[in-house]
Amino acid sequence: MDQREFLRQMEELVDFGRTKENLLTKQEIADYCSDWNLTEEQMPFVYAYLKEHRIEVEGYRAPVEKTEEEAVEKSEKDSKYLRLYKEELCQLKRYEEEELVRLLEQLRRGEEEVISSVIEAHLHRVMQLADKYRGRGVPVEDLIQEGNLELTACVAMLCGNEEVVDYQKAIEHAVRSRLIELVDEELAGTDSVHALLGRVNLLLEATRTLAQEYGRIATIEELSEFTHMDIEEINQYVDLSHNEIELGKGENERK
């Protein structure tokens, strides 16, 4: 089955879900997909695709952004390194909103001595974001490590930068972008079903994230910058998804 035909059948599955009051059981999905030769490992990507189209799957819980308290809870599945890291995070100073605003103002003025404090103030948020992308092929430890490196680079870049209006949004944008890039790189090395559904889901998530950030639909150039995907690749997935992935008007407006 080629990619276009597969996504067409996925759209039919979405339509089927809508006839069932937007709720499907895993058995109903398995029966519907019985001729697709999907493996057990591929089914979560199908569930995630349905979730992105507002079809609930009974017994499936999509990754969500946890609160800081939930994110630092110990888990038997966590590695020793991750447990130790979470314990260290619990010992860090928690910054109140007023303190963070003051630190960001100092950072804008170019006061380099606050860089480490600004980074420290965002470490919990990086772990929170990394947890959202858990279970997509990249170890959460790697997500946290790369997220922290991106955080460090972004804060250093912002020091004394008067062109960026909202430092908080800039930091969040940079970290999310790096995490998406990591997951996409992992998807590129998987089989076609994983890559197809995984990338479509990533792009759907990215368009919604940017819509919340910008207050409008992102252009293809903005989506490319955020996801690190080539414009040609994004166009391909937009075509395959029959324009389920929304794009705003931009320099390379689609005809």
C-alpha atoms as a PDB file:
ATOM      1  CA  MET A   1       0.000   0.000   0.000  1.00  0.00           C
ATOM      2  CA  ASP A   2       1.468   3.374  -0.992  1.00  0.00           C
ATOM      3  CA  GLN A   3       1.574   6.336   1.384  1.00  0.00           C
ATOM      4  CA  ARG A   4      -1.253   8.275  -0.237  1.00  0.00           C
ATOM      5  CA  GLU A   5      -3.575   5.256  -0.170  1.00  0.00           C
ATOM      6  CA  PHE A   6      -2.636   4.526   3.445  1.00  0.00           C
ATOM      7  CA  LEU A   7      -3.483   8.061   4.561  1.00  0.00           C
ATOM      8  CA  ARG A   8      -6.730   7.911   2.597  1.00  0.00           C
ATOM      9  CA  GLN A   9      -7.691   4.821   4.572  1.00  0.00           C
ATOM     10  CA  MET A  10      -6.663   6.564   7.785  1.00  0.00           C
ATOM     11  CA  GLU A  11      -9.050   9.388   6.893  1.00  0.00           C
ATOM     12  CA  GLU A  12     -11.796   6.810   6.377  1.00  0.00           C
ATOM     13  CA  LEU A  13     -10.985   5.445   9.837  1.00  0.00           C
ATOM     14  CA  VAL A  14     -11.385   8.978  11.221  1.00  0.00           C
ATOM     15  CA  ASP A  15     -14.765   9.240   9.474  1.00  0.00           C
ATOM     16  CA  PHE A  16     -15.733   5.874  10.958  1.00  0.00           C
ATOM     17  CA  GLY A  17     -14.802   7.197  14.399  1.00  0.00           C
ATOM     18  CA  ARG A  18     -17.067  10.189  13.913  1.00  0.00           C
ATOM     19  CA  THR A  19     -19.998   7.855  13.270  1.00  0.00           C
ATOM     20  CA  LYS A  20     -19.217   6.263  16.643  1.00  0.00           C
ATOM     21  CA  GLU A  21     -19.544   9.554  18.558  1.00  0.00           C
ATOM     22  CA  ASN A  22     -15.771  10.170  18.344  1.00  0.00           C
ATOM     23  CA  LEU A  23     -14.934   7.134  20.468  1.00  0.00           C
ATOM     24  CA  LEU A  24     -13.422   3.859  19.246  1.00  0.00           C
ATOM     25  CA  THR A  25     -12.206   0.793  21.089  1.00  0.00           C
ATOM     26  CA  LYS A  26      -8.852  -0.759  20.280  1.00  0.00           C
ATOM     27  CA  GLN A  27     -10.684  -3.851  19.061  1.00  0.00           C
ATOM     28  CA  GLU A  28     -12.818  -1.800  16.658  1.00  0.00           C
ATOM     29  CA  ILE A  29      -9.651  -0.221  15.280  1.00  0.00           C
ATOM     30  CA  ALA A  30      -7.914  -3.603  15.000  1.00  0.00           C
ATOM     31  CA  ASP A  31     -10.899  -5.022  13.121  1.00  0.00           C
ATOM     32  CA  TYR A  32     -11.030  -2.013  10.801  1.00  0.00           C
ATOM     33  CA  CYS A  33      -7.284  -2.237  10.090  1.00  0.00           C
ATOM     34  CA  SER A  34      -7.159  -6.037   9.855  1.00  0.00           C
ATOM     35  CA  ASP A  35      -6.103  -5.976   6.192  1.00  0.00           C
ATOM     36  CA  TRP A  36      -3.381  -3.350   6.681  1.00  0.00           C
ATOM     37  CA  ASN A  37      -0.731  -5.726   8.071  1.00  0.00           C
ATOM     38  CA  LEU A  38       0.153  -3.370  10.919  1.00  0.00           C
ATOM     39  CA  THR A  39       2.375  -4.543  13.770  1.00  0.00           C
ATOM     40  CA  GLU A  40       1.627  -4.069  17.455  1.00  0.00           C
ATOM     41  CA  GLU A  41       4.410  -1.465  17.616  1.00  0.00           C
ATOM     42  CA  GLN A  42       2.745   0.583  14.868  1.00  0.00           C
ATOM     43  CA  MET A  43      -0.692   0.790  16.499  1.00  0.00           C
ATOM     44  CA  PRO A  44       0.184   3.650  18.919  1.00  0.00           C
ATOM     45  CA  PHE A  45       0.919   5.818  15.863  1.00  0.00           C
ATOM     46  CA  VAL A  46      -2.582   5.036  14.580  1.00  0.00           C
ATOM     47  CA  TYR A  47      -4.061   5.927  17.982  1.00  0.00           C
ATOM     48  CA  ALA A  48      -2.064   9.169  18.055  1.00  0.00           C
ATOM     49  CA  TYR A  49      -3.272  10.068  14.548  1.00  0.00           C
ATOM     50  CA  LEU A  50      -6.877   9.531  15.637  1.00  0.00           C
ATOM     51  CA  LYS A  51      -6.247  11.608  18.752  1.00  0.00           C
ATOM     52  CA  GLU A  52      -4.927  14.480  16.626  1.00  0.00           C
ATOM     53  CA  HIS A  53      -8.232  14.303  14.728  1.00  0.00           C
ATOM     54  CA  ARG A  54     -10.212  14.376  17.987  1.00  0.00           C
ATOM     55  CA  ILE A  55     -11.172  10.709  17.944  1.00  0.00           C
ATOM     56  CA  GLU A  56     -10.723   9.159  21.388  1.00  0.00           C
ATOM     57  CA  VAL A  57      -9.392   5.608  21.681  1.00  0.00           C
ATOM     58  CA  GLU A  58     -10.643   3.692  24.692  1.00  0.00           C
ATOM     59  CA  GLY A  59      -7.703   2.727  26.893  1.00  0.00           C
ATOM     60  CA  TYR A  60      -5.183   4.926  25.057  1.00  0.00           C
ATOM     61  CA  ARG A  61      -3.600   7.896  26.757  1.00  0.00           C
ATOM     62  CA  ALA A  62      -1.706  10.277  24.518  1.00  0.00           C
ATOM     63  CA  PRO A  63       1.465  11.910  25.912  1.00  0.00           C
ATOM     64  CA  VAL A  64       0.516  15.117  27.701  1.00  0.00           C
ATOM     65  CA  GLU A  65       2.489  17.911  29.259  1.00  0.00           C
ATOM     66  CA  LYS A  66       2.661  17.112  32.944  1.00  0.00           C
ATOM     67  CA  THR A  67       2.840  19.580  35.768  1.00  0.00           C
ATOM     68  CA  GLU A  68       6.278  20.144  37.241  1.00  0.00           C
ATOM     69  CA  GLU A  69       5.266  18.055  40.271  1.00  0.00           C
ATOM     70  CA  GLU A  70       4.181  15.135  38.092  1.00  0.00           C
ATOM     71  CA  ALA A  71       7.259  15.440  35.902  1.00  0.00           C
ATOM     72  CA  VAL A  72       9.670  14.977  38.815  1.00  0.00           C
ATOM     73  CA  GLU A  73       7.907  11.948  40.310  1.00  0.00           C
ATOM     74  CA  LYS A  74      10.063   8.823  40.409  1.00  0.00           C
ATOM     75  CA  SER A  75       9.196   5.968  38.065  1.00  0.00           C
ATOM     76  CA  GLU A  76      10.415   2.372  38.122  1.00  0.00           C
ATOM     77  CA  LYS A  77      10.908   2.653  34.365  1.00  0.00           C
ATOM     78  CA  ASP A  78      13.302   5.568  34.712  1.00  0.00           C
ATOM     79  CA  SER A  79      17.004   4.887  34.413  1.00  0.00           C
ATOM     80  CA  LYS A  80      19.329   5.406  37.347  1.00  0.00           C
ATOM     81  CA  TYR A  81      20.683   8.526  35.632  1.00  0.00           C
ATOM     82  CA  LEU A  82      17.201   9.965  35.219  1.00  0.00           C
ATOM     83  CA  ARG A  83      16.224   9.238  38.823  1.00  0.00           C
ATOM     84  CA  LEU A  84      19.375  10.977  40.054  1.00  0.00           C
ATOM     85  CA  TYR A  85      18.736  13.917  37.740  1.00  0.00           C
ATOM     86  CA  LYS A  86      15.180  14.313  39.015  1.00  0.00           C
ATOM     87  CA  GLU A  87      16.454  14.230  42.580  1.00  0.00           C
ATOM     88  CA  GLU A  88      18.931  16.991  41.726  1.00  0.00           C
ATOM     89  CA  LEU A  89      16.173  19.059  40.132  1.00  0.00           C
ATOM     90  CA  CYS A  90      14.114  18.793  43.290  1.00  0.00           C
ATOM     91  CA  GLN A  91      16.974  20.454  45.172  1.00  0.00           C
ATOM     92  CA  LEU A  92      17.120  23.462  42.851  1.00  0.00           C
ATOM     93  CA  LYS A  93      15.656  26.813  43.754  1.00  0.00           C
ATOM     94  CA  ARG A  94      12.115  27.374  42.475  1.00  0.00           C
ATOM     95  CA  TYR A  95      11.759  30.836  40.981  1.00  0.00           C
ATOM     96  CA  GLU A  96       8.598  32.857  41.501  1.00  0.00           C
ATOM     97  CA  GLU A  97       7.111  34.621  38.487  1.00  0.00           C
ATOM     98  CA  GLU A  98       8.290  38.030  39.698  1.00  0.00           C
ATOM     99  CA  GLU A  99      11.843  36.738  40.136  1.00  0.00           C
ATOM    100  CA  LEU A 100      11.866  35.274  36.635  1.00  0.00           C
ATOM    101  CA  VAL A 101      10.586  38.523  35.118  1.00  0.00           C
ATOM    102  CA  ARG A 102      13.366  40.418  36.888  1.00  0.00           C
ATOM    103  CA  LEU A 103      16.004  37.939  35.688  1.00  0.00           C
ATOM    104  CA  LEU A 104      14.796  38.203  32.096  1.00  0.00           C
ATOM    105  CA  GLU A 105      14.924  41.997  32.300  1.00  0.00           C
ATOM    106  CA  GLN A 106      18.527  41.776  33.506  1.00  0.00           C
ATOM    107  CA  LEU A 107      19.300  39.329  30.701  1.00  0.00           C
ATOM    108  CA  ARG A 108      17.864  41.777  28.168  1.00  0.00           C
ATOM    109  CA  ARG A 109      20.193  44.458  29.547  1.00  0.00           C
ATOM    110  CA  GLY A 110      23.130  42.152  28.839  1.00  0.00           C
ATOM    111  CA  GLU A 111      23.967  41.247  32.445  1.00  0.00           C
ATOM    112  CA  GLU A 112      25.822  37.974  31.856  1.00  0.00           C
ATOM    113  CA  GLU A 113      25.928  37.090  35.548  1.00  0.00           C
ATOM    114  CA  VAL A 114      22.225  36.104  35.447  1.00  0.00           C
ATOM    115  CA  ILE A 115      22.608  33.615  32.576  1.00  0.00           C
ATOM    116  CA  SER A 116      23.091  30.622  34.887  1.00  0.00           C
ATOM    117  CA  SER A 117      20.065  31.615  36.984  1.00  0.00           C
ATOM    118  CA  VAL A 118      17.845  31.969  33.906  1.00  0.00           C
ATOM    119  CA  ILE A 119      18.958  28.526  32.728  1.00  0.00           C
ATOM    120  CA  GLU A 120      18.332  27.033  36.163  1.00  0.00           C
ATOM    121  CA  ALA A 121      14.861  28.591  36.260  1.00  0.00           C
ATOM    122  CA  HIS A 122      13.902  26.749  33.054  1.00  0.00           C
ATOM    123  CA  LEU A 123      15.313  23.268  33.727  1.00  0.00           C
ATOM    124  CA  HIS A 124      12.017  21.984  35.127  1.00  0.00           C
ATOM    125  CA  ARG A 125      10.194  23.215  32.028  1.00  0.00           C
ATOM    126  CA  VAL A 126      12.657  21.419  29.738  1.00  0.00           C
ATOM    127  CA  MET A 127      11.959  18.132  31.511  1.00  0.00           C
ATOM    128  CA  GLN A 128       8.239  18.840  31.289  1.00  0.00           C
ATOM    129  CA  LEU A 129       8.492  19.311  27.516  1.00  0.00           C
ATOM    130  CA  ALA A 130      10.787  16.297  27.074  1.00  0.00           C
ATOM    131  CA  ASP A 131       8.245  14.109  28.828  1.00  0.00           C
ATOM    132  CA  LYS A 132       5.664  15.061  26.194  1.00  0.00           C
ATOM    133  CA  TYR A 133       7.826  13.380  23.534  1.00  0.00           C
ATOM    134  CA  ARG A 134       8.553  10.277  25.622  1.00  0.00           C
ATOM    135  CA  GLY A 135       7.864   6.992  23.865  1.00  0.00           C
ATOM    136  CA  ARG A 136       8.555   8.209  20.328  1.00  0.00           C
ATOM    137  CA  GLY A 137      11.848   6.424  19.844  1.00  0.00           C
ATOM    138  CA  VAL A 138      14.241   8.853  21.552  1.00  0.00           C
ATOM    139  CA  PRO A 139      15.255   8.040  25.161  1.00  0.00           C
ATOM    140  CA  VAL A 140      13.874  10.665  27.511  1.00  0.00           C
ATOM    141  CA  GLU A 141      17.390  11.152  28.904  1.00  0.00           C
ATOM    142  CA  ASP A 142      18.558  12.225  25.452  1.00  0.00           C
ATOM    143  CA  LEU A 143      15.578  14.532  25.059  1.00  0.00           C
ATOM    144  CA  ILE A 144      16.359  16.214  28.376  1.00  0.00           C
ATOM    145  CA  GLN A 145      20.072  16.502  27.619  1.00  0.00           C
ATOM    146  CA  GLU A 146      19.518  18.016  24.175  1.00  0.00           C
ATOM    147  CA  GLY A 147      16.742  20.233  25.509  1.00  0.00           C
ATOM    148  CA  ASN A 148      19.092  21.565  28.176  1.00  0.00           C
ATOM    149  CA  LEU A 149      21.825  22.214  25.604  1.00  0.00           C
ATOM    150  CA  GLU A 150      19.348  24.127  23.445  1.00  0.00           C
ATOM    151  CA  LEU A 151      18.171  26.053  26.511  1.00  0.00           C
ATOM    152  CA  THR A 152      21.766  27.029  27.337  1.00  0.00           C
ATOM    153  CA  ALA A 153      22.482  28.163  23.777  1.00  0.00           C
ATOM    154  CA  CYS A 154      19.232  30.112  23.555  1.00  0.00           C
ATOM    155  CA  VAL A 155      19.731  31.959  26.845  1.00  0.00           C
ATOM    156  CA  ALA A 156      23.289  32.897  25.845  1.00  0.00           C
ATOM    157  CA  MET A 157      21.990  34.180  22.492  1.00  0.00           C
ATOM    158  CA  LEU A 158      19.297  36.254  24.200  1.00  0.00           C
ATOM    159  CA  CYS A 159      21.702  38.040  26.555  1.00  0.00           C
ATOM    160  CA  GLY A 160      21.644  41.693  25.500  1.00  0.00           C
ATOM    161  CA  ASN A 161      19.427  40.903  22.496  1.00  0.00           C
ATOM    162  CA  GLU A 162      16.949  43.734  21.973  1.00  0.00           C
ATOM    163  CA  GLU A 163      15.420  42.315  18.787  1.00  0.00           C
ATOM    164  CA  VAL A 164      13.540  39.473  20.505  1.00  0.00           C
ATOM    165  CA  VAL A 165      10.336  40.768  22.058  1.00  0.00           C
ATOM    166  CA  ASP A 166       9.300  37.868  24.311  1.00  0.00           C
ATOM    167  CA  TYR A 167      12.226  36.004  25.866  1.00  0.00           C
ATOM    168  CA  GLN A 168       9.980  33.423  27.531  1.00  0.00           C
ATOM    169  CA  LYS A 169       8.354  32.442  24.241  1.00  0.00           C
ATOM    170  CA  ALA A 170      11.733  32.403  22.499  1.00  0.00           C
ATOM    171  CA  ILE A 171      13.140  29.924  25.019  1.00  0.00           C
ATOM    172  CA  GLU A 172      10.109  27.636  24.819  1.00  0.00           C
ATOM    173  CA  HIS A 173      10.122  27.826  21.020  1.00  0.00           C
ATOM    174  CA  ALA A 174      13.803  26.878  20.799  1.00  0.00           C
ATOM    175  CA  VAL A 175      13.516  23.896  23.146  1.00  0.00           C
ATOM    176  CA  ARG A 176      10.348  22.534  21.506  1.00  0.00           C
ATOM    177  CA  SER A 177      11.940  22.922  18.088  1.00  0.00           C
ATOM    178  CA  ARG A 178      14.999  20.908  19.124  1.00  0.00           C
ATOM    179  CA  LEU A 179      12.891  18.128  20.645  1.00  0.00           C
ATOM    180  CA  ILE A 180      10.777  17.871  17.495  1.00  0.00           C
ATOM    181  CA  GLU A 181      13.961  17.715  15.430  1.00  0.00           C
ATOM    182  CA  LEU A 182      15.261  14.801  17.526  1.00  0.00           C
ATOM    183  CA  VAL A 183      12.025  12.837  17.203  1.00  0.00           C
ATOM    184  CA  ASP A 184      11.856  13.498  13.469  1.00  0.00           C
ATOM    185  CA  GLU A 185      15.443  12.298  12.996  1.00  0.00           C
ATOM    186  CA  GLU A 186      14.507   9.079  14.778  1.00  0.00           C
ATOM    187  CA  LEU A 187      11.369   8.631  12.674  1.00  0.00           C
ATOM    188  CA  ALA A 188      13.421   8.986   9.497  1.00  0.00           C
ATOM    189  CA  GLY A 189      15.184   5.742  10.362  1.00  0.00           C
ATOM    190  CA  THR A 190      12.032   3.696  10.995  1.00  0.00           C
ATOM    191  CA  ASP A 191       9.691   1.812   8.672  1.00  0.00           C
ATOM    192  CA  SER A 192       7.308   3.661   6.377  1.00  0.00           C
ATOM    193  CA  VAL A 193       4.213   3.444   8.604  1.00  0.00           C
ATOM    194  CA  HIS A 194       6.090   4.749  11.655  1.00  0.00           C
ATOM    195  CA  ALA A 195       7.657   7.543   9.622  1.00  0.00           C
ATOM    196  CA  LEU A 196       4.473   8.518   7.792  1.00  0.00           C
ATOM    197  CA  LEU A 197       2.096   8.658  10.756  1.00  0.00           C
ATOM    198  CA  GLY A 198       4.782   9.920  13.114  1.00  0.00           C
ATOM    199  CA  ARG A 199       5.719  12.826  10.856  1.00  0.00           C
ATOM    200  CA  VAL A 200       2.113  13.737  10.076  1.00  0.00           C
ATOM    201  CA  ASN A 201       1.383  13.738  13.816  1.00  0.00           C
ATOM    202  CA  LEU A 202       4.463  15.883  14.498  1.00  0.00           C
ATOM    203  CA  LEU A 203       3.409  18.408  11.865  1.00  0.00           C
ATOM    204  CA  LEU A 204      -0.152  18.538  13.190  1.00  0.00           C
ATOM    205  CA  GLU A 205       1.202  19.149  16.706  1.00  0.00           C
ATOM    206  CA  ALA A 206       3.652  21.747  15.433  1.00  0.00           C
ATOM    207  CA  THR A 207       0.989  23.725  13.552  1.00  0.00           C
ATOM    208  CA  ARG A 208      -1.162  23.849  16.685  1.00  0.00           C
ATOM    209  CA  THR A 209       1.774  24.840  18.883  1.00  0.00           C
ATOM    210  CA  LEU A 210       2.719  27.675  16.525  1.00  0.00           C
ATOM    211  CA  ALA A 211      -0.916  28.765  16.183  1.00  0.00           C
ATOM    212  CA  GLN A 212      -1.059  29.167  19.965  1.00  0.00           C
ATOM    213  CA  GLU A 213       2.263  31.007  19.997  1.00  0.00           C
ATOM    214  CA  TYR A 214       1.541  33.348  17.074  1.00  0.00           C
ATOM    215  CA  GLY A 215      -2.226  33.680  17.396  1.00  0.00           C
ATOM    216  CA  ARG A 216      -2.548  32.640  13.728  1.00  0.00           C
ATOM    217  CA  ILE A 217      -1.773  29.746  11.396  1.00  0.00           C
ATOM    218  CA  ALA A 218       1.973  29.467  10.739  1.00  0.00           C
ATOM    219  CA  THR A 219       3.394  29.807   7.243  1.00  0.00           C
ATOM    220  CA  ILE A 220       5.269  26.938   5.646  1.00  0.00           C
ATOM    221  CA  GLU A 221       8.536  28.850   6.170  1.00  0.00           C
ATOM    222  CA  GLU A 222       7.823  29.178   9.902  1.00  0.00           C
ATOM    223  CA  LEU A 223       6.829  25.515  10.135  1.00  0.00           C
ATOM    224  CA  SER A 224      10.031  24.511   8.342  1.00  0.00           C
ATOM    225  CA  GLU A 225      12.159  26.602  10.714  1.00  0.00           C
ATOM    226  CA  PHE A 226      10.382  25.138  13.753  1.00  0.00           C
ATOM    227  CA  THR A 227      10.461  21.465  12.734  1.00  0.00           C
ATOM    228  CA  HIS A 228      13.766  21.522  10.796  1.00  0.00           C
ATOM    229  CA  MET A 229      11.991  19.805   7.888  1.00  0.00           C
ATOM    230  CA  ASP A 230      12.592  20.934   4.324  1.00  0.00           C
ATOM    231  CA  ILE A 231       9.772  22.919   2.731  1.00  0.00           C
ATOM    232  CA  GLU A 232       9.559  20.263   0.007  1.00  0.00           C
ATOM    233  CA  GLU A 233       9.090  17.557   2.653  1.00  0.00           C
ATOM    234  CA  ILE A 234       6.366  19.533   4.399  1.00  0.00           C
ATOM    235  CA  ASN A 235       4.584  20.104   1.094  1.00  0.00           C
ATOM    236  CA  GLN A 236       4.717  16.367   0.478  1.00  0.00           C
ATOM    237  CA  TYR A 237       3.087  15.573   3.818  1.00  0.00           C
ATOM    238  CA  VAL A 238       0.492  18.318   3.350  1.00  0.00           C
ATOM    239  CA  ASP A 239      -0.423  16.736   0.017  1.00  0.00           C
ATOM    240  CA  LEU A 240      -0.490  13.242   1.504  1.00  0.00           C
ATOM    241  CA  SER A 241      -2.718  14.430   4.360  1.00  0.00           C
ATOM    242  CA  HIS A 242      -5.120  16.092   1.889  1.00  0.00           C
ATOM    243  CA  ASN A 243      -4.440  19.468   3.536  1.00  0.00           C
ATOM    244  CA  GLU A 244      -5.256  18.268   7.074  1.00  0.00           C
ATOM    245  CA  ILE A 245      -2.007  20.093   7.962  1.00  0.00           C
ATOM    246  CA  GLU A 246      -2.970  23.763   7.771  1.00  0.00           C
ATOM    247  CA  LEU A 247      -0.594  26.393   6.412  1.00  0.00           C
ATOM    248  CA  GLY A 248      -0.853  30.162   6.494  1.00  0.00           C
ATOM    249  CA  LYS A 249      -0.019  32.399   3.566  1.00  0.00           C
ATOM    250  CA  GLY A 250       3.657  33.155   3.119  1.00  0.00           C
ATOM    251  CA  GLU A 251       6.437  33.677   0.641  1.00  0.00           C
ATOM    252  CA  ASN A 252       6.018  30.166  -0.729  1.00  0.00           C
ATOM    253  CA  GLU A 253       2.220  30.154  -0.647  1.00  0.00           C
ATOM    254  CA  ARG A 254       0.796  26.902  -1.943  1.00  0.00           C
ATOM    255  CA  LYS A 255      -1.201  27.102  -5.146  1.00  0.00           C
END
